[in-house]
N, C-alpha and C. Protein backbone atom coordinates (compact mmCIF):
# COMPACT_ATOMS: atom_id res chain seq x y z
N UNK A 1 103.22 271.24 96.11
CA UNK A 1 104.53 270.67 96.29
C UNK A 1 104.79 269.56 95.28
N UNK A 2 103.75 268.74 95.01
CA UNK A 2 103.90 267.67 94.03
C UNK A 2 104.15 268.24 92.65
N UNK A 3 103.47 269.32 92.32
CA UNK A 3 103.65 269.94 91.01
C UNK A 3 105.09 270.43 90.84
N UNK A 4 105.64 271.01 91.87
CA UNK A 4 107.02 271.49 91.82
C UNK A 4 107.98 270.33 91.61
N UNK A 5 107.73 269.22 92.28
CA UNK A 5 108.57 268.03 92.13
C UNK A 5 108.49 267.48 90.71
N UNK A 6 107.30 267.45 90.16
CA UNK A 6 107.11 266.95 88.80
C UNK A 6 107.81 267.87 87.80
N UNK A 7 107.67 269.17 87.96
CA UNK A 7 108.31 270.13 87.07
C UNK A 7 109.83 269.98 87.15
N UNK A 8 110.35 269.86 88.35
CA UNK A 8 111.79 269.69 88.53
C UNK A 8 112.27 268.39 87.88
N UNK A 9 111.52 267.32 88.05
CA UNK A 9 111.89 266.04 87.45
C UNK A 9 111.92 266.13 85.93
N UNK A 10 110.93 266.80 85.35
CA UNK A 10 110.88 266.98 83.90
C UNK A 10 112.07 267.79 83.42
N UNK A 11 112.41 268.83 84.12
CA UNK A 11 113.56 269.66 83.75
C UNK A 11 114.86 268.86 83.82
N UNK A 12 115.02 268.07 84.85
CA UNK A 12 116.24 267.27 85.00
C UNK A 12 116.34 266.26 83.85
N UNK A 13 115.23 265.60 83.56
CA UNK A 13 115.23 264.63 82.46
C UNK A 13 115.52 265.30 81.13
N UNK A 14 114.97 266.48 80.92
CA UNK A 14 115.23 267.20 79.68
C UNK A 14 116.70 267.59 79.59
N UNK A 15 117.26 268.08 80.67
CA UNK A 15 118.68 268.44 80.69
C UNK A 15 119.56 267.23 80.45
N UNK A 16 119.17 266.11 81.02
CA UNK A 16 119.93 264.88 80.83
C UNK A 16 119.83 264.39 79.38
N UNK A 17 118.70 264.63 78.75
CA UNK A 17 118.50 264.18 77.37
C UNK A 17 119.48 264.88 76.43
N UNK A 18 119.67 266.18 76.60
CA UNK A 18 120.60 266.91 75.74
C UNK A 18 122.03 266.44 75.98
N UNK A 19 122.37 266.24 77.24
CA UNK A 19 123.73 265.78 77.55
C UNK A 19 123.94 264.38 76.99
N UNK A 20 122.95 263.53 77.12
CA UNK A 20 123.05 262.18 76.59
C UNK A 20 123.19 262.19 75.06
N UNK A 21 122.48 263.09 74.41
CA UNK A 21 122.60 263.23 72.96
C UNK A 21 124.04 263.59 72.58
N UNK A 22 124.63 264.50 73.33
CA UNK A 22 126.01 264.89 73.10
C UNK A 22 126.96 263.72 73.38
N UNK A 23 126.72 263.01 74.48
CA UNK A 23 127.56 261.85 74.81
C UNK A 23 127.51 260.79 73.71
N UNK A 24 126.33 260.57 73.15
CA UNK A 24 126.20 259.59 72.06
C UNK A 24 126.96 260.04 70.81
N UNK A 25 126.91 261.32 70.51
CA UNK A 25 127.64 261.85 69.36
C UNK A 25 129.15 261.70 69.57
N UNK A 26 129.61 261.97 70.79
CA UNK A 26 131.03 261.81 71.12
C UNK A 26 131.41 260.33 71.03
N UNK A 27 130.55 259.44 71.51
CA UNK A 27 130.81 258.01 71.46
C UNK A 27 131.01 257.55 70.02
N UNK A 28 130.17 258.01 69.12
CA UNK A 28 130.33 257.65 67.70
C UNK A 28 131.71 258.06 67.19
N UNK A 29 132.15 259.25 67.58
CA UNK A 29 133.46 259.74 67.17
C UNK A 29 134.57 258.87 67.76
N UNK A 30 134.45 258.54 69.03
CA UNK A 30 135.50 257.78 69.72
C UNK A 30 135.59 256.35 69.21
N UNK A 31 134.47 255.78 68.84
CA UNK A 31 134.47 254.41 68.32
C UNK A 31 135.19 254.32 66.98
N UNK A 32 135.29 255.42 66.27
CA UNK A 32 135.96 255.45 64.97
C UNK A 32 137.42 255.87 65.07
N UNK A 33 137.86 256.29 66.23
CA UNK A 33 139.21 256.82 66.40
C UNK A 33 140.23 255.68 66.57
N UNK A 34 141.12 255.56 65.61
CA UNK A 34 142.13 254.49 65.61
C UNK A 34 143.10 254.63 66.78
N UNK A 35 143.48 255.85 67.12
CA UNK A 35 144.43 256.06 68.22
C UNK A 35 143.91 255.51 69.54
N UNK A 36 142.64 255.68 69.78
CA UNK A 36 142.04 255.18 71.02
C UNK A 36 142.19 253.67 71.09
N UNK A 37 141.91 253.01 69.98
CA UNK A 37 142.06 251.55 69.94
C UNK A 37 143.51 251.15 70.12
N UNK A 38 144.42 251.87 69.44
CA UNK A 38 145.85 251.54 69.52
C UNK A 38 146.39 251.66 70.94
N UNK A 39 145.91 252.63 71.70
CA UNK A 39 146.38 252.82 73.06
C UNK A 39 145.59 252.03 74.10
N UNK A 40 144.60 251.28 73.63
CA UNK A 40 143.84 250.44 74.55
C UNK A 40 142.92 251.21 75.48
N UNK A 41 142.48 252.37 75.05
CA UNK A 41 141.55 253.19 75.83
C UNK A 41 140.14 252.85 75.37
N UNK A 42 139.24 252.64 76.30
CA UNK A 42 137.87 252.33 75.90
C UNK A 42 137.18 253.61 75.43
N UNK A 43 136.33 253.50 74.42
CA UNK A 43 135.58 254.68 73.95
C UNK A 43 134.77 255.32 75.08
N UNK A 44 134.21 254.50 75.96
CA UNK A 44 133.39 255.02 77.06
C UNK A 44 134.21 255.88 78.01
N UNK A 45 135.46 255.48 78.24
CA UNK A 45 136.34 256.27 79.10
C UNK A 45 136.62 257.62 78.46
N UNK A 46 136.87 257.60 77.16
CA UNK A 46 137.13 258.85 76.44
C UNK A 46 135.89 259.74 76.45
N UNK A 47 134.73 259.14 76.24
CA UNK A 47 133.49 259.93 76.22
C UNK A 47 133.32 260.67 77.54
N UNK A 48 133.48 259.95 78.62
CA UNK A 48 133.31 260.57 79.94
C UNK A 48 134.26 261.75 80.10
N UNK A 49 135.51 261.54 79.74
CA UNK A 49 136.51 262.59 79.88
C UNK A 49 136.22 263.77 78.95
N UNK A 50 135.95 263.48 77.67
CA UNK A 50 135.74 264.55 76.69
C UNK A 50 134.51 265.38 77.04
N UNK A 51 133.44 264.73 77.42
CA UNK A 51 132.22 265.47 77.77
C UNK A 51 132.47 266.35 78.99
N UNK A 52 133.15 265.81 79.99
CA UNK A 52 133.45 266.59 81.18
C UNK A 52 134.37 267.77 80.84
N UNK A 53 135.42 267.49 80.10
CA UNK A 53 136.40 268.52 79.75
C UNK A 53 135.79 269.61 78.87
N UNK A 54 135.06 269.22 77.84
CA UNK A 54 134.48 270.21 76.92
C UNK A 54 133.36 271.01 77.59
N UNK A 55 132.67 270.39 78.54
CA UNK A 55 131.59 271.09 79.24
C UNK A 55 132.10 272.28 80.05
N UNK A 56 133.36 272.19 80.47
CA UNK A 56 133.94 273.29 81.25
C UNK A 56 133.97 274.61 80.47
N UNK A 57 134.05 274.54 79.15
CA UNK A 57 134.11 275.75 78.34
C UNK A 57 132.86 275.99 77.51
N UNK A 58 131.77 275.36 77.89
CA UNK A 58 130.49 275.59 77.21
C UNK A 58 129.74 276.71 77.91
N UNK A 59 128.84 277.35 77.17
CA UNK A 59 127.99 278.35 77.82
C UNK A 59 127.10 277.69 78.87
N UNK A 60 126.66 278.45 79.81
CA UNK A 60 125.81 277.94 80.87
C UNK A 60 126.65 277.44 82.02
N UNK A 61 125.99 277.28 83.16
CA UNK A 61 126.71 276.94 84.37
C UNK A 61 126.43 275.55 84.91
N UNK A 62 125.28 274.98 84.56
CA UNK A 62 124.91 273.68 85.10
C UNK A 62 123.96 273.00 84.13
N UNK A 63 123.70 271.73 84.37
CA UNK A 63 122.93 270.89 83.46
C UNK A 63 121.58 271.48 83.06
N UNK A 64 120.88 272.09 83.99
CA UNK A 64 119.54 272.59 83.69
C UNK A 64 119.53 274.00 83.09
N UNK A 65 120.66 274.63 83.04
CA UNK A 65 120.77 275.96 82.46
C UNK A 65 120.38 275.88 80.98
N UNK A 66 119.41 276.70 80.54
CA UNK A 66 118.99 276.64 79.13
C UNK A 66 120.15 276.83 78.14
N UNK A 67 121.11 277.66 78.49
CA UNK A 67 122.26 277.85 77.61
C UNK A 67 123.09 276.57 77.51
N UNK A 68 123.26 275.87 78.62
CA UNK A 68 124.03 274.62 78.62
C UNK A 68 123.30 273.55 77.82
N UNK A 69 121.99 273.47 78.02
CA UNK A 69 121.20 272.48 77.28
C UNK A 69 121.30 272.73 75.79
N UNK A 70 121.22 273.99 75.39
CA UNK A 70 121.34 274.35 73.97
C UNK A 70 122.75 274.03 73.46
N UNK A 71 123.75 274.28 74.29
CA UNK A 71 125.14 273.98 73.89
C UNK A 71 125.30 272.48 73.64
N UNK A 72 124.76 271.65 74.50
CA UNK A 72 124.85 270.20 74.29
C UNK A 72 124.21 269.80 72.96
N UNK A 73 123.04 270.36 72.68
CA UNK A 73 122.38 270.05 71.41
C UNK A 73 123.22 270.51 70.23
N UNK A 74 123.77 271.70 70.31
CA UNK A 74 124.56 272.24 69.21
C UNK A 74 125.85 271.45 69.00
N UNK A 75 126.51 271.08 70.09
CA UNK A 75 127.74 270.29 69.98
C UNK A 75 127.44 268.93 69.34
N UNK A 76 126.33 268.30 69.73
CA UNK A 76 125.96 267.01 69.15
C UNK A 76 125.71 267.16 67.65
N UNK A 77 125.02 268.20 67.29
CA UNK A 77 124.74 268.46 65.87
C UNK A 77 126.05 268.73 65.12
N UNK A 78 126.96 269.44 65.74
CA UNK A 78 128.26 269.74 65.13
C UNK A 78 129.02 268.44 64.85
N UNK A 79 128.99 267.51 65.79
CA UNK A 79 129.72 266.26 65.61
C UNK A 79 129.07 265.35 64.57
N UNK A 80 127.79 265.53 64.33
CA UNK A 80 127.08 264.72 63.34
C UNK A 80 127.07 265.36 61.95
N UNK A 81 127.79 266.44 61.80
CA UNK A 81 127.80 267.18 60.52
C UNK A 81 128.16 266.27 59.35
N UNK A 82 129.15 265.42 59.50
CA UNK A 82 129.58 264.57 58.39
C UNK A 82 128.53 263.54 58.00
N UNK A 83 127.60 263.24 58.88
CA UNK A 83 126.53 262.29 58.57
C UNK A 83 125.28 262.95 58.00
N UNK A 84 125.32 264.27 57.89
CA UNK A 84 124.16 265.01 57.41
C UNK A 84 123.91 264.74 55.93
N UNK A 85 122.63 264.70 55.57
CA UNK A 85 122.26 264.53 54.16
C UNK A 85 122.60 265.77 53.36
N UNK A 86 122.58 266.92 54.02
CA UNK A 86 122.92 268.19 53.37
C UNK A 86 123.90 268.95 54.27
N UNK A 87 125.18 268.57 54.22
CA UNK A 87 126.16 269.18 55.13
C UNK A 87 126.26 270.70 55.00
N UNK A 88 126.08 271.20 53.81
CA UNK A 88 126.17 272.66 53.60
C UNK A 88 125.06 273.38 54.37
N UNK A 89 123.85 272.87 54.29
CA UNK A 89 122.73 273.47 55.01
C UNK A 89 122.91 273.31 56.52
N UNK A 90 123.35 272.13 56.92
CA UNK A 90 123.58 271.88 58.34
C UNK A 90 124.64 272.83 58.89
N UNK A 91 125.70 273.07 58.11
CA UNK A 91 126.75 274.00 58.53
C UNK A 91 126.19 275.41 58.70
N UNK A 92 125.35 275.82 57.78
CA UNK A 92 124.71 277.14 57.90
C UNK A 92 123.83 277.20 59.15
N UNK A 93 123.08 276.12 59.39
CA UNK A 93 122.24 276.05 60.60
C UNK A 93 123.10 276.14 61.87
N UNK A 94 124.23 275.43 61.84
CA UNK A 94 125.13 275.46 62.99
C UNK A 94 125.68 276.86 63.23
N UNK A 95 126.05 277.54 62.17
CA UNK A 95 126.55 278.91 62.33
C UNK A 95 125.50 279.79 62.98
N UNK A 96 124.24 279.58 62.59
CA UNK A 96 123.15 280.33 63.21
C UNK A 96 122.91 279.92 64.65
N UNK A 97 122.97 278.61 64.91
CA UNK A 97 122.75 278.10 66.27
C UNK A 97 123.81 278.59 67.24
N UNK A 98 125.06 278.64 66.77
CA UNK A 98 126.16 279.09 67.63
C UNK A 98 126.25 280.61 67.66
N UNK A 99 125.59 281.27 66.75
CA UNK A 99 125.57 282.73 66.75
C UNK A 99 126.35 283.34 65.60
N UNK A 100 127.48 282.75 65.27
CA UNK A 100 128.30 283.21 64.15
C UNK A 100 129.37 282.17 63.85
N UNK A 101 130.05 282.29 62.70
CA UNK A 101 131.07 281.30 62.35
C UNK A 101 132.21 281.20 63.38
N UNK A 102 132.58 282.31 64.00
CA UNK A 102 133.66 282.29 64.98
C UNK A 102 133.26 281.45 66.21
N UNK A 103 132.04 281.61 66.66
CA UNK A 103 131.58 280.83 67.81
C UNK A 103 131.53 279.34 67.49
N UNK A 104 131.16 279.00 66.27
CA UNK A 104 131.17 277.61 65.84
C UNK A 104 132.61 277.09 65.82
N UNK A 105 133.53 277.87 65.29
CA UNK A 105 134.94 277.49 65.27
C UNK A 105 135.49 277.33 66.69
N UNK A 106 135.10 278.21 67.58
CA UNK A 106 135.52 278.12 68.98
C UNK A 106 135.00 276.85 69.63
N UNK A 107 133.75 276.49 69.33
CA UNK A 107 133.17 275.27 69.88
C UNK A 107 133.91 274.04 69.35
N UNK A 108 134.21 274.06 68.07
CA UNK A 108 134.95 272.94 67.48
C UNK A 108 136.34 272.84 68.12
N UNK A 109 136.99 273.98 68.30
CA UNK A 109 138.31 274.00 68.95
C UNK A 109 138.22 273.47 70.38
N UNK A 110 137.17 273.84 71.09
CA UNK A 110 136.96 273.35 72.46
C UNK A 110 136.85 271.82 72.46
N UNK A 111 136.09 271.29 71.52
CA UNK A 111 135.92 269.84 71.43
C UNK A 111 137.27 269.16 71.12
N UNK A 112 137.97 269.66 70.12
CA UNK A 112 139.24 269.06 69.71
C UNK A 112 140.26 269.14 70.84
N UNK A 113 140.35 270.29 71.49
CA UNK A 113 141.28 270.43 72.62
C UNK A 113 140.93 269.46 73.75
N UNK A 114 139.65 269.25 73.97
CA UNK A 114 139.22 268.30 75.00
C UNK A 114 139.65 266.88 74.65
N UNK A 115 139.51 266.51 73.38
CA UNK A 115 139.92 265.18 72.94
C UNK A 115 141.43 265.02 73.15
N UNK A 116 142.21 266.03 72.75
CA UNK A 116 143.66 265.97 72.89
C UNK A 116 144.06 265.88 74.37
N UNK A 117 143.44 266.70 75.21
CA UNK A 117 143.74 266.68 76.65
C UNK A 117 143.44 265.31 77.25
N UNK A 118 142.28 264.77 76.91
CA UNK A 118 141.89 263.48 77.46
C UNK A 118 142.80 262.37 76.96
N UNK A 119 143.08 262.40 75.68
CA UNK A 119 143.96 261.38 75.10
C UNK A 119 145.32 261.43 75.79
N UNK A 120 145.85 262.61 75.93
CA UNK A 120 147.16 262.78 76.56
C UNK A 120 147.15 262.27 77.99
N UNK A 121 146.17 262.68 78.74
CA UNK A 121 146.07 262.26 80.14
C UNK A 121 145.86 260.77 80.30
N UNK A 122 145.00 260.20 79.47
CA UNK A 122 144.72 258.77 79.58
C UNK A 122 145.89 257.92 79.12
N UNK A 123 146.59 258.37 78.08
CA UNK A 123 147.76 257.63 77.61
C UNK A 123 148.85 257.67 78.68
N UNK A 124 149.06 258.83 79.28
CA UNK A 124 150.06 258.96 80.34
C UNK A 124 149.71 258.05 81.51
N UNK A 125 148.45 258.03 81.91
CA UNK A 125 148.02 257.15 83.01
C UNK A 125 148.21 255.68 82.67
N UNK A 126 147.91 255.31 81.42
CA UNK A 126 148.06 253.93 80.97
C UNK A 126 149.53 253.53 81.00
N UNK A 127 150.39 254.41 80.49
CA UNK A 127 151.82 254.10 80.47
C UNK A 127 152.38 254.00 81.89
N UNK A 128 151.96 254.88 82.78
CA UNK A 128 152.41 254.82 84.18
C UNK A 128 151.93 253.54 84.84
N UNK A 129 150.72 253.14 84.53
CA UNK A 129 150.17 251.89 85.08
C UNK A 129 150.96 250.69 84.59
N UNK A 130 151.35 250.70 83.33
CA UNK A 130 152.13 249.60 82.79
C UNK A 130 153.52 249.53 83.45
N UNK A 131 154.13 250.68 83.68
CA UNK A 131 155.46 250.71 84.31
C UNK A 131 155.39 250.17 85.74
N UNK A 132 154.33 250.51 86.46
CA UNK A 132 154.17 250.05 87.84
C UNK A 132 153.95 248.54 87.90
N UNK A 133 153.27 248.00 86.90
CA UNK A 133 152.96 246.57 86.94
C UNK A 133 154.14 245.70 86.50
N UNK A 134 155.20 246.31 85.98
CA UNK A 134 156.35 245.52 85.52
C UNK A 134 157.33 245.26 86.59
């Protein structure tokens, strides 16, 4: 029974590590986004929303699912592409990791759509909050 608990704990931590890696990559993106600053949205709020929203369209069903864990790693790598020492090689690796160029494009579209959805929702909530407080 103890062995099962230890194995489960290791799996949970491993699954959390991939998600955390993705969250950190999203945070780097959000910290550089001028619109977020202009609208007074915290990067952490955007990260939470974007990760949740984009996860809905990722492969796998739950945190410990090997497909989901791989998706988190691939998405993080995709977001770090511009920081790569060899972006061309990294892009080729990403195409292989995602399976083909179309799947990579779909993943990028999922991420961008998630950012737009979150931005829209958070800006609307902020504006409604400001109207109520006046």
